[in-house]
Amino acid sequence: MKKLLLTLDYELFGDGSGDVFKHIVEPTNSILEVAERYGAKITVFFEVVEYWRLKQQWESGNHMGYDNNPVEAMEKQVVDMIRRGHDVQLHFHPQWVDAKWVDDHWEVDYKNWRLSDFNSSIMTLKQLISKGKHTLEGIIQPHFPAYECYALRAGGYNAQPSEAIVEALRECGMRVDTSIVPGAIEQGALSIYDYSTSPSDMGKWFVDEKLEEPCKENTDIIELPIVSFPIVRLFKFMSITRIKSIMLNHKSAQASFTAKTSSGGTRGGIIRKISFFFKKEFQTWDYCLFPCWMHRYFLHKISKQKSRDIFVLIGHPKSLVSIKNLEFMLKVVKDKMKFAILSDLT
């Protein structure tokens, strides 16, 4: 039976905007409620760097416009997730490492967008991963001593070049990565990667030196790639669900679109932006964004992959606009496939 791993990137918007309660805590509660109704468990990837910055500001006396403590709310929620049988692992958006609170908003470090070439005067990549691991274990282990942080997802799938990440994972005792999107290529102003040669018919593989390249021998690190299939961009933007999600935070959506279409300078800018919508891209299976027809399309595609039995889906609580679409997908697959958490697959 095919296994579905529902993962959730637990984070604010990439530009630093968003509200912890509105965009993380409350929609996560909705996702957990409907998932549990259908016997599904969620593997949450907790963006730990923004948590550090929020905690630093709150404890210094800056409440950032919140009436209630957002840090405490996040801590309570992830502990409750473990209690309910879900999983919590590590996620990094390094633009938060040097983020600053200026004039009542966050200013993130766009020069440090990619984990793959992380460069900060504050800490090394190994120190970043080590601190993140110990932060999560420090939140959860007082309540569940057996808990272990052993898996990572790079923000925005920026895990290439991956040699330094692999080395840091090994040095920190991490055993799983799930950052690779087979087939996907991004050469924008912020995100840069090319996973066009990564196999799309493998649910997991062992890692030697590079996350994106399967190793024939058993090693100490496993890659669980995120399922993706090619789709014309225009089709996904024709979805009411997608439009609603964009409207939730048009500033962040505009910044993302500009970053993806700004490479190559200003020449031919308008034509490049229009042609962007008519090109194909490898789309991850986003269970918080997909309308019902896209869920059907992806279910049809995976039904044809006879050799692959593990499929990693991705979602973001900040993008959730229709719990009914998620419920549709869960209802369709619950008797046909097995829901799993990370520990079931490794």
C-alpha atoms as a PDB file:
ATOM      1  CA  MET A   1       0.000   0.000   0.000  1.00  0.00           C
ATOM      2  CA  LYS A   2       1.317   3.452  -0.915  1.00  0.00           C
ATOM      3  CA  LYS A   3       2.275   5.669   2.040  1.00  0.00           C
ATOM      4  CA  LEU A   4       1.507   9.389   2.295  1.00  0.00           C
ATOM      5  CA  LEU A   5       3.593  11.595   4.572  1.00  0.00           C
ATOM      6  CA  LEU A   6       1.756  14.866   5.245  1.00  0.00           C
ATOM      7  CA  THR A   7       4.344  17.506   6.165  1.00  0.00           C
ATOM      8  CA  LEU A   8       3.647  21.046   7.335  1.00  0.00           C
ATOM      9  CA  ASP A   9       6.120  23.945   7.190  1.00  0.00           C
ATOM     10  CA  TYR A  10       5.339  25.811  10.409  1.00  0.00           C
ATOM     11  CA  GLU A  11       6.356  29.393   9.587  1.00  0.00           C
ATOM     12  CA  LEU A  12       5.488  33.003   8.845  1.00  0.00           C
ATOM     13  CA  PHE A  13       5.933  34.528   5.374  1.00  0.00           C
ATOM     14  CA  GLY A  14       9.393  34.640   3.851  1.00  0.00           C
ATOM     15  CA  ASP A  15       9.573  38.437   3.940  1.00  0.00           C
ATOM     16  CA  GLY A  16       9.013  38.471   7.709  1.00  0.00           C
ATOM     17  CA  SER A  17       5.349  39.464   7.576  1.00  0.00           C
ATOM     18  CA  GLY A  18       2.452  37.589   9.119  1.00  0.00           C
ATOM     19  CA  ASP A  19       0.795  36.939  12.457  1.00  0.00           C
ATOM     20  CA  VAL A  20       1.766  33.898  14.545  1.00  0.00           C
ATOM     21  CA  PHE A  21      -1.803  33.236  15.671  1.00  0.00           C
ATOM     22  CA  LYS A  22      -3.583  33.980  12.368  1.00  0.00           C
ATOM     23  CA  HIS A  23      -1.040  32.381  10.028  1.00  0.00           C
ATOM     24  CA  ILE A  24       0.436  29.557  12.113  1.00  0.00           C
ATOM     25  CA  VAL A  25      -1.350  28.500  15.310  1.00  0.00           C
ATOM     26  CA  GLU A  26      -5.008  28.760  14.295  1.00  0.00           C
ATOM     27  CA  PRO A  27      -4.776  27.176  10.809  1.00  0.00           C
ATOM     28  CA  THR A  28      -2.528  24.435  12.213  1.00  0.00           C
ATOM     29  CA  ASN A  29      -5.270  23.582  14.719  1.00  0.00           C
ATOM     30  CA  SER A  30      -7.745  23.306  11.835  1.00  0.00           C
ATOM     31  CA  ILE A  31      -5.400  21.050   9.855  1.00  0.00           C
ATOM     32  CA  LEU A  32      -4.763  18.767  12.832  1.00  0.00           C
ATOM     33  CA  GLU A  33      -8.473  18.487  13.587  1.00  0.00           C
ATOM     34  CA  VAL A  34      -9.473  17.366  10.095  1.00  0.00           C
ATOM     35  CA  ALA A  35      -6.390  15.132   9.707  1.00  0.00           C
ATOM     36  CA  GLU A  36      -7.167  13.262  12.906  1.00  0.00           C
ATOM     37  CA  ARG A  37     -10.756  12.793  11.777  1.00  0.00           C
ATOM     38  CA  TYR A  38      -9.428  10.622   8.938  1.00  0.00           C
ATOM     39  CA  GLY A  39      -6.675   8.885  10.888  1.00  0.00           C
ATOM     40  CA  ALA A  40      -3.862  10.994   9.404  1.00  0.00           C
ATOM     41  CA  LYS A  41      -0.837  12.269  11.301  1.00  0.00           C
ATOM     42  CA  ILE A  42       1.191  15.374  10.459  1.00  0.00           C
ATOM     43  CA  THR A  43       4.972  15.818  10.447  1.00  0.00           C
ATOM     44  CA  VAL A  44       5.580  19.472  11.279  1.00  0.00           C
ATOM     45  CA  PHE A  45       8.771  21.236  10.199  1.00  0.00           C
ATOM     46  CA  PHE A  46       9.217  23.951  12.804  1.00  0.00           C
ATOM     47  CA  GLU A  47      10.958  27.102  11.502  1.00  0.00           C
ATOM     48  CA  VAL A  48      13.207  27.607  14.471  1.00  0.00           C
ATOM     49  CA  VAL A  49      15.092  30.808  13.519  1.00  0.00           C
ATOM     50  CA  GLU A  50      12.020  33.035  13.431  1.00  0.00           C
ATOM     51  CA  TYR A  51      11.097  31.441  16.765  1.00  0.00           C
ATOM     52  CA  TRP A  52      14.469  32.623  18.157  1.00  0.00           C
ATOM     53  CA  ARG A  53      13.875  36.174  16.901  1.00  0.00           C
ATOM     54  CA  LEU A  54      10.301  36.290  18.234  1.00  0.00           C
ATOM     55  CA  LYS A  55      11.438  34.971  21.609  1.00  0.00           C
ATOM     56  CA  GLN A  56      14.279  37.498  21.785  1.00  0.00           C
ATOM     57  CA  GLN A  57      11.935  40.424  21.115  1.00  0.00           C
ATOM     58  CA  TRP A  58       9.206  39.252  23.500  1.00  0.00           C
ATOM     59  CA  GLU A  59      11.619  38.679  26.365  1.00  0.00           C
ATOM     60  CA  SER A  60      13.205  42.107  25.798  1.00  0.00           C
ATOM     61  CA  GLY A  61       9.801  43.711  26.335  1.00  0.00           C
ATOM     62  CA  ASN A  62       8.782  44.266  22.701  1.00  0.00           C
ATOM     63  CA  HIS A  63       5.440  42.511  22.251  1.00  0.00           C
ATOM     64  CA  MET A  64       5.402  43.241  18.488  1.00  0.00           C
ATOM     65  CA  GLY A  65       1.712  44.148  18.576  1.00  0.00           C
ATOM     66  CA  TYR A  66       0.598  40.838  20.133  1.00  0.00           C
ATOM     67  CA  ASP A  67      -1.783  40.770  23.099  1.00  0.00           C
ATOM     68  CA  ASN A  68      -0.770  37.198  23.948  1.00  0.00           C
ATOM     69  CA  ASN A  69       2.669  35.592  23.949  1.00  0.00           C
ATOM     70  CA  PRO A  70       3.223  34.077  20.463  1.00  0.00           C
ATOM     71  CA  VAL A  71       6.298  32.134  21.607  1.00  0.00           C
ATOM     72  CA  GLU A  72       4.396  30.399  24.374  1.00  0.00           C
ATOM     73  CA  ALA A  73       1.573  29.584  21.941  1.00  0.00           C
ATOM     74  CA  MET A  74       4.009  27.937  19.510  1.00  0.00           C
ATOM     75  CA  GLU A  75       5.701  25.951  22.277  1.00  0.00           C
ATOM     76  CA  LYS A  76       2.396  24.691  23.662  1.00  0.00           C
ATOM     77  CA  GLN A  77       1.173  23.710  20.214  1.00  0.00           C
ATOM     78  CA  VAL A  78       4.214  21.636  19.226  1.00  0.00           C
ATOM     79  CA  VAL A  79       4.225  19.833  22.580  1.00  0.00           C
ATOM     80  CA  ASP A  80       0.525  19.096  22.104  1.00  0.00           C
ATOM     81  CA  MET A  81       1.247  17.751  18.616  1.00  0.00           C
ATOM     82  CA  ILE A  82       3.658  15.185  20.043  1.00  0.00           C
ATOM     83  CA  ARG A  83       1.083  14.223  22.675  1.00  0.00           C
ATOM     84  CA  ARG A  84      -1.464  13.589  19.899  1.00  0.00           C
ATOM     85  CA  GLY A  85       0.891  11.322  17.947  1.00  0.00           C
ATOM     86  CA  HIS A  86       2.198  13.789  15.355  1.00  0.00           C
ATOM     87  CA  ASP A  87       5.865  14.573  14.742  1.00  0.00           C
ATOM     88  CA  VAL A  88       7.930  17.793  14.902  1.00  0.00           C
ATOM     89  CA  GLN A  89      11.240  18.282  13.096  1.00  0.00           C
ATOM     90  CA  LEU A  90      13.569  21.069  12.013  1.00  0.00           C
ATOM     91  CA  HIS A  91      13.114  23.763   9.362  1.00  0.00           C
ATOM     92  CA  PHE A  92      15.339  26.717   8.470  1.00  0.00           C
ATOM     93  CA  HIS A  93      14.812  29.959   6.609  1.00  0.00           C
ATOM     94  CA  PRO A  94      18.221  31.577   7.155  1.00  0.00           C
ATOM     95  CA  GLN A  95      17.047  35.069   6.187  1.00  0.00           C
ATOM     96  CA  TRP A  96      15.785  35.198   9.786  1.00  0.00           C
ATOM     97  CA  VAL A  97      19.240  34.714  11.365  1.00  0.00           C
ATOM     98  CA  ASP A  98      20.129  38.404  11.077  1.00  0.00           C
ATOM     99  CA  ALA A  99      16.528  39.687  10.952  1.00  0.00           C
ATOM    100  CA  LYS A 100      15.845  42.948  12.758  1.00  0.00           C
ATOM    101  CA  TRP A 101      12.704  44.547  14.158  1.00  0.00           C
ATOM    102  CA  VAL A 102      12.549  48.024  12.588  1.00  0.00           C
ATOM    103  CA  ASP A 103       9.629  50.485  12.627  1.00  0.00           C
ATOM    104  CA  ASP A 104       7.090  47.882  13.796  1.00  0.00           C
ATOM    105  CA  HIS A 105       7.964  45.170  11.292  1.00  0.00           C
ATOM    106  CA  TRP A 106      10.589  42.549  10.581  1.00  0.00           C
ATOM    107  CA  GLU A 107      13.366  43.218   8.105  1.00  0.00           C
ATOM    108  CA  VAL A 108      14.843  39.891   7.010  1.00  0.00           C
ATOM    109  CA  ASP A 109      18.268  39.404   5.446  1.00  0.00           C
ATOM    110  CA  TYR A 110      17.596  38.722   1.753  1.00  0.00           C
ATOM    111  CA  LYS A 111      21.325  38.206   1.151  1.00  0.00           C
ATOM    112  CA  ASN A 112      21.159  35.084   3.316  1.00  0.00           C
ATOM    113  CA  TRP A 113      18.092  33.457   1.758  1.00  0.00           C
ATOM    114  CA  ARG A 114      19.525  30.010   1.006  1.00  0.00           C
ATOM    115  CA  LEU A 115      20.614  27.397   3.524  1.00  0.00           C
ATOM    116  CA  SER A 116      22.782  25.914   0.778  1.00  0.00           C
ATOM    117  CA  ASP A 117      25.224  28.830   0.943  1.00  0.00           C
ATOM    118  CA  PHE A 118      24.567  30.006   4.486  1.00  0.00           C
ATOM    119  CA  ASN A 119      27.006  32.735   5.495  1.00  0.00           C
ATOM    120  CA  SER A 120      26.603  34.584   8.761  1.00  0.00           C
ATOM    121  CA  SER A 121      28.986  36.254  11.182  1.00  0.00           C
ATOM    122  CA  ILE A 122      26.769  35.010  14.018  1.00  0.00           C
ATOM    123  CA  MET A 123      27.220  31.246  13.550  1.00  0.00           C
ATOM    124  CA  THR A 124      28.365  28.530  11.153  1.00  0.00           C
ATOM    125  CA  LEU A 125      26.037  26.137   9.339  1.00  0.00           C
ATOM    126  CA  LYS A 126      26.926  23.382  11.792  1.00  0.00           C
ATOM    127  CA  GLN A 127      26.209  25.682  14.753  1.00  0.00           C
ATOM    128  CA  LEU A 128      22.903  26.710  13.173  1.00  0.00           C
ATOM    129  CA  ILE A 129      21.723  23.105  12.790  1.00  0.00           C
ATOM    130  CA  SER A 130      23.041  22.110  16.209  1.00  0.00           C
ATOM    131  CA  LYS A 131      21.302  25.024  17.933  1.00  0.00           C
ATOM    132  CA  GLY A 132      18.075  24.288  16.079  1.00  0.00           C
ATOM    133  CA  LYS A 133      18.170  20.635  17.092  1.00  0.00           C
ATOM    134  CA  HIS A 134      18.799  21.486  20.744  1.00  0.00           C
ATOM    135  CA  THR A 135      16.091  24.172  20.704  1.00  0.00           C
ATOM    136  CA  LEU A 136      13.399  21.730  19.580  1.00  0.00           C
ATOM    137  CA  GLU A 137      14.578  19.060  22.002  1.00  0.00           C
ATOM    138  CA  GLY A 138      14.636  21.673  24.768  1.00  0.00           C
ATOM    139  CA  ILE A 139      10.984  22.525  24.110  1.00  0.00           C
ATOM    140  CA  ILE A 140       9.685  18.965  23.792  1.00  0.00           C
ATOM    141  CA  GLN A 141      11.903  16.627  25.875  1.00  0.00           C
ATOM    142  CA  PRO A 142      10.804  18.021  29.283  1.00  0.00           C
ATOM    143  CA  HIS A 143       7.352  16.650  28.402  1.00  0.00           C
ATOM    144  CA  PHE A 144       8.392  13.677  26.228  1.00  0.00           C
ATOM    145  CA  PRO A 145      11.935  12.532  27.129  1.00  0.00           C
ATOM    146  CA  ALA A 146      12.108  10.047  24.234  1.00  0.00           C
ATOM    147  CA  TYR A 147      11.647  12.746  21.608  1.00  0.00           C
ATOM    148  CA  GLU A 148      14.536  13.286  19.179  1.00  0.00           C
ATOM    149  CA  CYS A 149      15.095  15.919  16.491  1.00  0.00           C
ATOM    150  CA  TYR A 150      16.772  14.104  13.606  1.00  0.00           C
ATOM    151  CA  ALA A 151      15.300  15.518  10.359  1.00  0.00           C
ATOM    152  CA  LEU A 152      15.689  18.738   8.399  1.00  0.00           C
ATOM    153  CA  ARG A 153      14.010  20.666   5.597  1.00  0.00           C
ATOM    154  CA  ALA A 154      15.768  23.606   3.962  1.00  0.00           C
ATOM    155  CA  GLY A 155      13.603  26.681   3.455  1.00  0.00           C
ATOM    156  CA  GLY A 156      12.379  27.206  -0.090  1.00  0.00           C
ATOM    157  CA  TYR A 157      13.970  23.859  -1.094  1.00  0.00           C
ATOM    158  CA  ASN A 158      17.331  25.673  -1.232  1.00  0.00           C
ATOM    159  CA  ALA A 159      19.586  22.715  -0.511  1.00  0.00           C
ATOM    160  CA  GLN A 160      21.958  22.984  -3.463  1.00  0.00           C
ATOM    161  CA  PRO A 161      24.924  22.847  -3.444  1.00  0.00           C
ATOM    162  CA  SER A 162      24.280  20.309  -0.715  1.00  0.00           C
ATOM    163  CA  GLU A 163      27.736  19.043   0.272  1.00  0.00           C
ATOM    164  CA  ALA A 164      28.091  21.450   3.215  1.00  0.00           C
ATOM    165  CA  ILE A 165      24.574  20.606   4.426  1.00  0.00           C
ATOM    166  CA  VAL A 166      25.317  16.869   4.308  1.00  0.00           C
ATOM    167  CA  GLU A 167      28.540  17.377   6.250  1.00  0.00           C
ATOM    168  CA  ALA A 168      26.785  19.481   8.903  1.00  0.00           C
ATOM    169  CA  LEU A 169      23.931  16.965   9.195  1.00  0.00           C
ATOM    170  CA  ARG A 170      26.408  14.177   9.897  1.00  0.00           C
ATOM    171  CA  GLU A 171      28.344  16.232  12.418  1.00  0.00           C
ATOM    172  CA  CYS A 172      25.108  17.073  14.251  1.00  0.00           C
ATOM    173  CA  GLY A 173      23.779  13.496  14.269  1.00  0.00           C
ATOM    174  CA  MET A 174      20.870  14.240  11.911  1.00  0.00           C
ATOM    175  CA  ARG A 175      19.655  11.288   9.852  1.00  0.00           C
ATOM    176  CA  VAL A 176      16.971  12.549   7.450  1.00  0.00           C
ATOM    177  CA  ASP A 177      16.553  15.361   4.941  1.00  0.00           C
ATOM    178  CA  THR A 178      13.416  16.182   2.978  1.00  0.00           C
ATOM    179  CA  SER A 179      14.301  19.247   0.919  1.00  0.00           C
ATOM    180  CA  ILE A 180      14.661  17.870  -2.608  1.00  0.00           C
ATOM    181  CA  VAL A 181      11.925  18.350  -5.228  1.00  0.00           C
ATOM    182  CA  PRO A 182      12.798  16.036  -8.168  1.00  0.00           C
ATOM    183  CA  GLY A 183      12.460  17.795 -11.506  1.00  0.00           C
ATOM    184  CA  ALA A 184      12.219  21.282 -10.017  1.00  0.00           C
ATOM    185  CA  ILE A 185      14.419  24.117 -11.276  1.00  0.00           C
ATOM    186  CA  GLU A 186      14.542  27.615  -9.789  1.00  0.00           C
ATOM    187  CA  GLN A 187      16.929  30.316 -10.969  1.00  0.00           C
ATOM    188  CA  GLY A 188      15.371  33.428  -9.468  1.00  0.00           C
ATOM    189  CA  ALA A 189      16.813  36.354  -7.581  1.00  0.00           C
ATOM    190  CA  LEU A 190      16.466  34.485  -4.268  1.00  0.00           C
ATOM    191  CA  SER A 191      16.011  30.735  -4.719  1.00  0.00           C
ATOM    192  CA  ILE A 192      18.519  28.852  -6.861  1.00  0.00           C
ATOM    193  CA  TYR A 193      18.529  25.094  -7.439  1.00  0.00           C
ATOM    194  CA  ASP A 194      18.333  22.483 -10.179  1.00  0.00           C
ATOM    195  CA  TYR A 195      16.932  19.066  -9.240  1.00  0.00           C
ATOM    196  CA  SER A 196      16.195  18.036 -12.824  1.00  0.00           C
ATOM    197  CA  THR A 197      18.418  14.946 -12.540  1.00  0.00           C
ATOM    198  CA  SER A 198      17.030  13.731  -9.201  1.00  0.00           C
ATOM    199  CA  PRO A 199      14.905  10.585  -9.665  1.00  0.00           C
ATOM    200  CA  SER A 200      11.149  11.093  -9.537  1.00  0.00           C
ATOM    201  CA  ASP A 201      10.329   7.399  -9.147  1.00  0.00           C
ATOM    202  CA  MET A 202      12.053   6.857  -5.776  1.00  0.00           C
ATOM    203  CA  GLY A 203      10.306   7.501  -2.463  1.00  0.00           C
ATOM    204  CA  LYS A 204      13.577   7.651  -0.548  1.00  0.00           C
ATOM    205  CA  TRP A 205      17.283   7.120  -1.077  1.00  0.00           C
ATOM    206  CA  PHE A 206      20.533   6.981   0.847  1.00  0.00           C
ATOM    207  CA  VAL A 207      22.842  10.002   0.729  1.00  0.00           C
ATOM    208  CA  ASP A 208      26.612  10.008   0.333  1.00  0.00           C
ATOM    209  CA  GLU A 209      27.932  13.508  -0.467  1.00  0.00           C
ATOM    210  CA  LYS A 210      24.932  15.183  -2.144  1.00  0.00           C
ATOM    211  CA  LEU A 211      21.307  15.171  -1.031  1.00  0.00           C
ATOM    212  CA  GLU A 212      20.001  15.222  -4.605  1.00  0.00           C
ATOM    213  CA  GLU A 213      21.988  12.200  -5.781  1.00  0.00           C
ATOM    214  CA  PRO A 214      21.020   8.666  -4.642  1.00  0.00           C
ATOM    215  CA  CYS A 215      23.792   6.510  -3.260  1.00  0.00           C
ATOM    216  CA  LYS A 216      23.868   2.810  -4.101  1.00  0.00           C
ATOM    217  CA  GLU A 217      25.229   1.883  -0.683  1.00  0.00           C
ATOM    218  CA  ASN A 218      23.412   2.182   2.643  1.00  0.00           C
ATOM    219  CA  THR A 219      24.563   5.290   4.512  1.00  0.00           C
ATOM    220  CA  ASP A 220      23.648   7.156   7.688  1.00  0.00           C
ATOM    221  CA  ILE A 221      21.471   9.809   5.962  1.00  0.00           C
ATOM    222  CA  ILE A 222      18.213   9.298   4.059  1.00  0.00           C
ATOM    223  CA  GLU A 223      16.599  11.704   1.610  1.00  0.00           C
ATOM    224  CA  LEU A 224      12.794  11.726   1.461  1.00  0.00           C
ATOM    225  CA  PRO A 225      12.046  13.809  -1.662  1.00  0.00           C
ATOM    226  CA  ILE A 226       8.855  15.851  -1.938  1.00  0.00           C
ATOM    227  CA  VAL A 227       6.482  14.540  -4.601  1.00  0.00           C
ATOM    228  CA  SER A 228       6.092  16.823  -7.618  1.00  0.00           C
ATOM    229  CA  PHE A 229       4.770  16.718 -11.174  1.00  0.00           C
ATOM    230  CA  PRO A 230       5.005  19.198 -14.068  1.00  0.00           C
ATOM    231  CA  ILE A 231       2.086  21.551 -14.608  1.00  0.00           C
ATOM    232  CA  VAL A 232       1.564  24.722 -16.644  1.00  0.00           C
ATOM    233  CA  ARG A 233       1.761  27.575 -14.142  1.00  0.00           C
ATOM    234  CA  LEU A 234      -1.332  29.290 -15.508  1.00  0.00           C
ATOM    235  CA  PHE A 235      -3.495  26.319 -14.495  1.00  0.00           C
ATOM    236  CA  LYS A 236      -2.535  26.520 -10.849  1.00  0.00           C
ATOM    237  CA  PHE A 237      -3.123  30.291 -10.759  1.00  0.00           C
ATOM    238  CA  MET A 238      -6.600  29.760 -12.228  1.00  0.00           C
ATOM    239  CA  SER A 239      -7.579  28.097  -8.943  1.00  0.00           C
ATOM    240  CA  ILE A 240      -9.870  30.091  -6.641  1.00  0.00           C
ATOM    241  CA  THR A 241      -7.984  28.524  -3.739  1.00  0.00           C
ATOM    242  CA  ARG A 242      -4.679  29.900  -5.039  1.00  0.00           C
ATOM    243  CA  ILE A 243      -6.150  33.364  -5.630  1.00  0.00           C
ATOM    244  CA  LYS A 244      -7.540  33.469  -2.094  1.00  0.00           C
ATOM    245  CA  SER A 245      -4.156  32.450  -0.719  1.00  0.00           C
ATOM    246  CA  ILE A 246      -2.419  35.226  -2.663  1.00  0.00           C
ATOM    247  CA  MET A 247      -4.925  37.751  -1.372  1.00  0.00           C
ATOM    248  CA  LEU A 248      -4.182  36.714   2.222  1.00  0.00           C
ATOM    249  CA  ASN A 249      -0.782  38.334   1.882  1.00  0.00           C
ATOM    250  CA  HIS A 250      -0.385  40.051  -1.461  1.00  0.00           C
ATOM    251  CA  LYS A 251       2.853  41.735  -0.369  1.00  0.00           C
ATOM    252  CA  SER A 252       4.635  38.414   0.188  1.00  0.00           C
ATOM    253  CA  ALA A 253       3.136  36.937  -3.002  1.00  0.00           C
ATOM    254  CA  GLN A 254       4.298  39.938  -5.032  1.00  0.00           C
ATOM    255  CA  ALA A 255       7.813  39.682  -3.597  1.00  0.00           C
ATOM    256  CA  SER A 256       7.943  35.979  -4.479  1.00  0.00           C
ATOM    257  CA  PHE A 257       6.738  36.584  -8.051  1.00  0.00           C
ATOM    258  CA  THR A 258       9.245  39.404  -8.556  1.00  0.00           C
ATOM    259  CA  ALA A 259      12.099  37.231  -7.275  1.00  0.00           C
ATOM    260  CA  LYS A 260      11.169  34.382  -9.632  1.00  0.00           C
ATOM    261  CA  THR A 261      10.894  36.592 -12.734  1.00  0.00           C
ATOM    262  CA  SER A 262      13.655  39.143 -12.147  1.00  0.00           C
ATOM    263  CA  SER A 263      16.708  37.097 -13.183  1.00  0.00           C
ATOM    264  CA  GLY A 264      18.307  38.295 -16.409  1.00  0.00           C
ATOM    265  CA  GLY A 265      17.986  42.016 -15.748  1.00  0.00           C
ATOM    266  CA  THR A 266      15.234  44.388 -16.857  1.00  0.00           C
ATOM    267  CA  ARG A 267      15.406  43.782 -20.608  1.00  0.00           C
ATOM    268  CA  GLY A 268      12.294  42.031 -21.853  1.00  0.00           C
ATOM    269  CA  GLY A 269      10.822  42.206 -18.350  1.00  0.00           C
ATOM    270  CA  ILE A 270       7.143  42.396 -19.331  1.00  0.00           C
ATOM    271  CA  ILE A 271       7.427  39.586 -21.868  1.00  0.00           C
ATOM    272  CA  ARG A 272       9.327  37.458 -19.349  1.00  0.00           C
ATOM    273  CA  LYS A 273       6.646  38.002 -16.707  1.00  0.00           C
ATOM    274  CA  ILE A 274       3.843  37.056 -19.120  1.00  0.00           C
ATOM    275  CA  SER A 275       5.675  34.000 -20.450  1.00  0.00           C
ATOM    276  CA  PHE A 276       6.260  32.881 -16.858  1.00  0.00           C
ATOM    277  CA  PHE A 277       2.618  31.791 -16.608  1.00  0.00           C
ATOM    278  CA  PHE A 278       2.726  29.697 -19.792  1.00  0.00           C
ATOM    279  CA  LYS A 279       5.764  27.634 -18.861  1.00  0.00           C
ATOM    280  CA  LYS A 280       5.676  24.327 -17.044  1.00  0.00           C
ATOM    281  CA  GLU A 281       7.153  23.905 -13.607  1.00  0.00           C
ATOM    282  CA  PHE A 282       7.365  20.974 -11.236  1.00  0.00           C
ATOM    283  CA  GLN A 283       4.665  21.606  -8.663  1.00  0.00           C
ATOM    284  CA  THR A 284       4.842  20.088  -5.190  1.00  0.00           C
ATOM    285  CA  TRP A 285       1.704  18.411  -3.868  1.00  0.00           C
ATOM    286  CA  ASP A 286       0.520  21.190  -1.572  1.00  0.00           C
ATOM    287  CA  TYR A 287      -2.436  19.880   0.392  1.00  0.00           C
ATOM    288  CA  CYS A 288      -3.198  23.316   1.898  1.00  0.00           C
ATOM    289  CA  LEU A 289      -3.431  25.023  -1.510  1.00  0.00           C
ATOM    290  CA  PHE A 290      -4.749  22.458  -3.984  1.00  0.00           C
ATOM    291  CA  PRO A 291      -8.311  22.588  -5.282  1.00  0.00           C
ATOM    292  CA  CYS A 292     -10.065  19.249  -5.625  1.00  0.00           C
ATOM    293  CA  TRP A 293      -9.180  18.848  -9.333  1.00  0.00           C
ATOM    294  CA  MET A 294      -5.457  19.141  -8.581  1.00  0.00           C
ATOM    295  CA  HIS A 295      -5.734  16.544  -5.823  1.00  0.00           C
ATOM    296  CA  ARG A 296      -7.393  14.224  -8.371  1.00  0.00           C
ATOM    297  CA  TYR A 297      -4.641  14.940 -10.910  1.00  0.00           C
ATOM    298  CA  PHE A 298      -1.838  14.143  -8.477  1.00  0.00           C
ATOM    299  CA  LEU A 299      -3.615  11.031  -7.212  1.00  0.00           C
ATOM    300  CA  HIS A 300      -3.874   9.846 -10.806  1.00  0.00           C
ATOM    301  CA  LYS A 301      -0.175  10.531 -11.381  1.00  0.00           C
ATOM    302  CA  ILE A 302       1.022   8.613  -8.317  1.00  0.00           C
ATOM    303  CA  SER A 303      -1.250   5.683  -9.173  1.00  0.00           C
ATOM    304  CA  LYS A 304       0.915   5.184 -12.262  1.00  0.00           C
ATOM    305  CA  GLN A 305       4.177   5.040 -10.277  1.00  0.00           C
ATOM    306  CA  LYS A 306       4.360   1.327  -9.581  1.00  0.00           C
ATOM    307  CA  SER A 307       7.897   1.290  -8.170  1.00  0.00           C
ATOM    308  CA  ARG A 308       7.430   4.136  -5.693  1.00  0.00           C
ATOM    309  CA  ASP A 309       5.522   3.585  -2.459  1.00  0.00           C
ATOM    310  CA  ILE A 310       6.373   6.717  -0.399  1.00  0.00           C
ATOM    311  CA  PHE A 311       4.986  10.147  -1.257  1.00  0.00           C
ATOM    312  CA  VAL A 312       5.859  13.258   0.762  1.00  0.00           C
ATOM    313  CA  LEU A 313       3.231  16.012   0.578  1.00  0.00           C
ATOM    314  CA  ILE A 314       3.787  19.563   1.792  1.00  0.00           C
ATOM    315  CA  GLY A 315       1.559  22.235   3.283  1.00  0.00           C
ATOM    316  CA  HIS A 316       1.804  25.622   4.992  1.00  0.00           C
ATOM    317  CA  PRO A 317      -0.700  26.786   7.608  1.00  0.00           C
ATOM    318  CA  LYS A 318      -0.301  30.366   6.315  1.00  0.00           C
ATOM    319  CA  SER A 319      -1.650  29.166   2.921  1.00  0.00           C
ATOM    320  CA  LEU A 320      -4.723  27.312   4.189  1.00  0.00           C
ATOM    321  CA  VAL A 321      -7.859  28.836   2.697  1.00  0.00           C
ATOM    322  CA  SER A 322     -10.180  25.837   2.264  1.00  0.00           C
ATOM    323  CA  ILE A 323     -10.281  23.036   4.810  1.00  0.00           C
ATOM    324  CA  LYS A 324     -12.910  21.361   2.609  1.00  0.00           C
ATOM    325  CA  ASN A 325     -10.362  20.701  -0.151  1.00  0.00           C
ATOM    326  CA  LEU A 326      -8.034  19.036   2.346  1.00  0.00           C
ATOM    327  CA  GLU A 327     -10.920  16.981   3.705  1.00  0.00           C
ATOM    328  CA  PHE A 328     -11.793  15.892   0.160  1.00  0.00           C
ATOM    329  CA  MET A 329      -8.274  14.564  -0.372  1.00  0.00           C
ATOM    330  CA  LEU A 330      -8.180  12.776   2.970  1.00  0.00           C
ATOM    331  CA  LYS A 331     -11.555  11.177   2.349  1.00  0.00           C
ATOM    332  CA  VAL A 332     -10.498   9.896  -1.081  1.00  0.00           C
ATOM    333  CA  VAL A 333      -7.190   8.373   0.008  1.00  0.00           C
ATOM    334  CA  LYS A 334      -7.911   7.081   3.514  1.00  0.00           C
ATOM    335  CA  ASP A 335      -8.952   3.579   2.370  1.00  0.00           C
ATOM    336  CA  LYS A 336      -6.529   3.416  -0.571  1.00  0.00           C
ATOM    337  CA  MET A 337      -3.268   4.549   1.029  1.00  0.00           C
ATOM    338  CA  LYS A 338      -1.592   4.546   4.409  1.00  0.00           C
ATOM    339  CA  PHE A 339      -0.880   7.753   6.288  1.00  0.00           C
ATOM    340  CA  ALA A 340       2.548   7.847   7.916  1.00  0.00           C
ATOM    341  CA  ILE A 341       4.792  10.098   9.978  1.00  0.00           C
ATOM    342  CA  LEU A 342       8.526  10.436   9.494  1.00  0.00           C
ATOM    343  CA  SER A 343       9.513   7.715  11.967  1.00  0.00           C
ATOM    344  CA  ASP A 344       7.360   5.175  10.077  1.00  0.00           C
ATOM    345  CA  LEU A 345       9.439   5.634   6.927  1.00  0.00           C
ATOM    346  CA  THR A 346      12.981   5.714   8.306  1.00  0.00           C
END
